[in-house]
Amino acid sequence: MADRDAAAAALARVWNVYRLINLGVPEDDARRATLDRFLRKQRDAGVTDVEMLAVEGLKFLKRLDDQPEAGSP
């Protein structure tokens, strides 16, 4: 599988899983674009295995969710 296809496949897989776990997250949520950039950077850094990209993508979204909201006390 070509590198670009690996990143796209991982994005689709991760985003589908994330939305199943987090019902109510819209398809066009800003986190999807952030995830896409993260996965492309990982691919560009040499990670080309779809499964590994998917795992890293899920971990990335978990870290995003664990960050305090901007402006929160």
N, C-alpha and C. Protein backbone atom coordinates (compact mmCIF):
# COMPACT_ATOMS: atom_id res chain seq x y z
N MET A 1 0.85 -1.18 0.00
CA MET A 1 0.00 0.00 0.00
C MET A 1 0.89 1.24 0.00
N ALA A 2 0.55 2.18 -0.82
CA ALA A 2 1.33 3.41 -0.90
C ALA A 2 1.21 4.18 0.41
N ASP A 3 2.25 4.97 0.73
CA ASP A 3 2.27 5.72 1.97
C ASP A 3 1.04 6.60 2.14
N ARG A 4 0.66 7.30 1.07
CA ARG A 4 -0.51 8.19 1.16
C ARG A 4 -1.77 7.39 1.45
N ASP A 5 -1.89 6.22 0.85
CA ASP A 5 -3.03 5.37 1.11
C ASP A 5 -3.05 4.90 2.56
N ALA A 6 -1.88 4.64 3.14
CA ALA A 6 -1.80 4.20 4.53
C ALA A 6 -2.32 5.28 5.46
N ALA A 7 -1.94 6.52 5.24
CA ALA A 7 -2.41 7.62 6.09
C ALA A 7 -3.91 7.81 5.93
N ALA A 8 -4.41 7.74 4.71
CA ALA A 8 -5.85 7.91 4.47
C ALA A 8 -6.64 6.76 5.08
N ALA A 9 -6.13 5.54 4.96
CA ALA A 9 -6.81 4.38 5.53
C ALA A 9 -6.83 4.48 7.05
N ALA A 10 -5.72 4.88 7.63
CA ALA A 10 -5.66 5.03 9.09
C ALA A 10 -6.62 6.12 9.56
N LEU A 11 -6.68 7.23 8.83
CA LEU A 11 -7.59 8.32 9.19
C LEU A 11 -9.03 7.82 9.19
N ALA A 12 -9.43 7.13 8.16
CA ALA A 12 -10.81 6.63 8.08
C ALA A 12 -11.10 5.67 9.23
N ARG A 13 -10.19 4.78 9.50
CA ARG A 13 -10.39 3.79 10.56
C ARG A 13 -10.48 4.45 11.92
N VAL A 14 -9.52 5.31 12.21
CA VAL A 14 -9.47 5.97 13.52
C VAL A 14 -10.70 6.85 13.73
N TRP A 15 -11.06 7.62 12.73
CA TRP A 15 -12.18 8.54 12.88
C TRP A 15 -13.49 7.78 13.08
N ASN A 16 -13.66 6.67 12.37
CA ASN A 16 -14.86 5.85 12.56
C ASN A 16 -14.92 5.29 13.98
N VAL A 17 -13.82 4.76 14.47
CA VAL A 17 -13.78 4.21 15.83
C VAL A 17 -14.03 5.31 16.85
N TYR A 18 -13.39 6.44 16.67
CA TYR A 18 -13.54 7.55 17.60
C TYR A 18 -15.00 8.00 17.70
N ARG A 19 -15.67 8.09 16.55
CA ARG A 19 -17.06 8.54 16.54
C ARG A 19 -18.00 7.47 17.11
N LEU A 20 -17.63 6.20 17.01
CA LEU A 20 -18.43 5.16 17.65
C LEU A 20 -18.32 5.24 19.17
N ILE A 21 -17.14 5.56 19.65
CA ILE A 21 -16.91 5.68 21.09
C ILE A 21 -17.50 6.98 21.63
N ASN A 22 -17.44 8.03 20.84
CA ASN A 22 -17.89 9.36 21.25
C ASN A 22 -19.09 9.78 20.42
N LEU A 23 -20.23 9.21 20.75
CA LEU A 23 -21.46 9.50 20.01
C LEU A 23 -21.74 11.00 20.07
N GLY A 24 -22.20 11.54 18.99
CA GLY A 24 -22.52 12.95 18.94
C GLY A 24 -21.42 13.81 18.35
N VAL A 25 -20.24 13.24 18.12
CA VAL A 25 -19.17 14.00 17.47
C VAL A 25 -19.50 14.05 15.98
N PRO A 26 -19.63 15.25 15.42
CA PRO A 26 -19.99 15.34 14.01
C PRO A 26 -18.85 14.89 13.09
N GLU A 27 -19.22 14.44 11.91
CA GLU A 27 -18.22 13.98 10.92
C GLU A 27 -17.19 15.05 10.62
N ASP A 28 -17.62 16.30 10.57
CA ASP A 28 -16.71 17.39 10.20
C ASP A 28 -16.10 18.12 11.40
N ASP A 29 -16.05 17.46 12.55
CA ASP A 29 -15.45 18.05 13.75
C ASP A 29 -14.00 18.45 13.48
N ALA A 30 -13.56 19.54 14.10
CA ALA A 30 -12.20 20.06 13.88
C ALA A 30 -11.13 19.05 14.26
N ARG A 31 -11.43 18.14 15.17
CA ARG A 31 -10.44 17.12 15.56
C ARG A 31 -10.06 16.22 14.39
N ARG A 32 -10.97 16.05 13.43
CA ARG A 32 -10.66 15.21 12.26
C ARG A 32 -9.52 15.83 11.45
N ALA A 33 -9.58 17.13 11.23
CA ALA A 33 -8.51 17.80 10.48
C ALA A 33 -7.20 17.76 11.26
N THR A 34 -7.29 17.91 12.57
CA THR A 34 -6.09 17.83 13.41
C THR A 34 -5.49 16.43 13.35
N LEU A 35 -6.35 15.42 13.41
CA LEU A 35 -5.92 14.03 13.30
C LEU A 35 -5.27 13.77 11.94
N ASP A 36 -5.87 14.28 10.89
CA ASP A 36 -5.33 14.11 9.54
C ASP A 36 -3.90 14.67 9.46
N ARG A 37 -3.71 15.88 9.97
CA ARG A 37 -2.36 16.47 9.96
C ARG A 37 -1.38 15.62 10.76
N PHE A 38 -1.82 15.14 11.93
CA PHE A 38 -0.96 14.31 12.77
C PHE A 38 -0.55 13.04 12.03
N LEU A 39 -1.51 12.37 11.41
CA LEU A 39 -1.21 11.11 10.71
C LEU A 39 -0.30 11.33 9.51
N ARG A 40 -0.50 12.43 8.80
CA ARG A 40 0.40 12.72 7.66
C ARG A 40 1.82 13.01 8.15
N LYS A 41 1.95 13.68 9.28
CA LYS A 41 3.30 13.92 9.84
C LYS A 41 3.94 12.61 10.25
N GLN A 42 3.16 11.72 10.85
CA GLN A 42 3.69 10.41 11.23
C GLN A 42 4.15 9.64 9.99
N ARG A 43 3.33 9.67 8.95
CA ARG A 43 3.68 9.01 7.69
C ARG A 43 4.96 9.60 7.11
N ASP A 44 5.03 10.92 7.10
CA ASP A 44 6.22 11.59 6.57
C ASP A 44 7.47 11.28 7.38
N ALA A 45 7.27 10.95 8.67
CA ALA A 45 8.38 10.60 9.55
C ALA A 45 8.78 9.13 9.39
N GLY A 46 8.04 8.39 8.54
CA GLY A 46 8.45 7.02 8.25
C GLY A 46 7.52 5.93 8.73
N VAL A 47 6.44 6.28 9.41
CA VAL A 47 5.48 5.27 9.86
C VAL A 47 4.51 5.02 8.71
N THR A 48 4.59 3.84 8.12
CA THR A 48 3.77 3.55 6.94
C THR A 48 2.79 2.39 7.15
N ASP A 49 2.86 1.73 8.28
CA ASP A 49 1.96 0.63 8.58
C ASP A 49 0.61 1.19 9.04
N VAL A 50 -0.46 0.78 8.38
CA VAL A 50 -1.79 1.31 8.69
C VAL A 50 -2.17 1.04 10.14
N GLU A 51 -1.89 -0.15 10.61
CA GLU A 51 -2.25 -0.50 11.99
C GLU A 51 -1.50 0.39 12.99
N MET A 52 -0.22 0.60 12.75
CA MET A 52 0.56 1.44 13.65
C MET A 52 0.07 2.89 13.60
N LEU A 53 -0.22 3.37 12.40
CA LEU A 53 -0.77 4.72 12.28
C LEU A 53 -2.10 4.83 13.02
N ALA A 54 -2.94 3.82 12.91
CA ALA A 54 -4.23 3.85 13.58
C ALA A 54 -4.07 3.89 15.10
N VAL A 55 -3.17 3.08 15.62
CA VAL A 55 -2.92 3.08 17.06
C VAL A 55 -2.42 4.44 17.51
N GLU A 56 -1.46 4.99 16.78
CA GLU A 56 -0.93 6.31 17.14
C GLU A 56 -2.01 7.38 17.03
N GLY A 57 -2.88 7.26 16.04
CA GLY A 57 -3.97 8.21 15.88
C GLY A 57 -4.95 8.17 17.03
N LEU A 58 -5.30 6.97 17.49
CA LEU A 58 -6.20 6.85 18.64
C LEU A 58 -5.57 7.41 19.91
N LYS A 59 -4.29 7.14 20.08
CA LYS A 59 -3.59 7.71 21.25
C LYS A 59 -3.55 9.23 21.17
N PHE A 60 -3.35 9.76 19.98
CA PHE A 60 -3.32 11.21 19.78
C PHE A 60 -4.67 11.83 20.16
N LEU A 61 -5.76 11.23 19.69
CA LEU A 61 -7.09 11.76 20.03
C LEU A 61 -7.35 11.68 21.53
N LYS A 62 -6.89 10.63 22.16
CA LYS A 62 -7.05 10.50 23.62
C LYS A 62 -6.33 11.64 24.32
N ARG A 63 -5.11 11.95 23.87
CA ARG A 63 -4.37 13.07 24.47
C ARG A 63 -5.11 14.38 24.25
N LEU A 64 -5.67 14.57 23.07
CA LEU A 64 -6.45 15.79 22.80
C LEU A 64 -7.64 15.89 23.75
N ASP A 65 -8.33 14.78 23.95
CA ASP A 65 -9.49 14.77 24.84
C ASP A 65 -9.10 15.03 26.29
N ASP A 66 -7.91 14.63 26.67
CA ASP A 66 -7.46 14.78 28.06
C ASP A 66 -6.94 16.19 28.36
N GLN A 67 -6.71 16.99 27.32
CA GLN A 67 -6.23 18.36 27.52
C GLN A 67 -7.35 19.22 28.06
N PRO A 68 -7.04 20.10 29.02
CA PRO A 68 -8.07 21.01 29.51
C PRO A 68 -8.49 21.97 28.40
N GLU A 69 -9.74 22.31 28.40
CA GLU A 69 -10.27 23.26 27.41
C GLU A 69 -9.64 24.62 27.62
N ALA A 70 -9.40 25.32 26.53
CA ALA A 70 -8.87 26.68 26.61
C ALA A 70 -9.87 27.55 27.36
N GLY A 71 -9.37 28.29 28.31
CA GLY A 71 -10.23 29.18 29.08
C GLY A 71 -10.87 28.53 30.29
N SER A 72 -10.66 27.21 30.48
CA SER A 72 -11.20 26.56 31.66
C SER A 72 -10.30 26.84 32.85
N PRO A 73 -10.90 26.86 34.05
CA PRO A 73 -10.07 27.12 35.26
C PRO A 73 -9.06 26.06 35.52
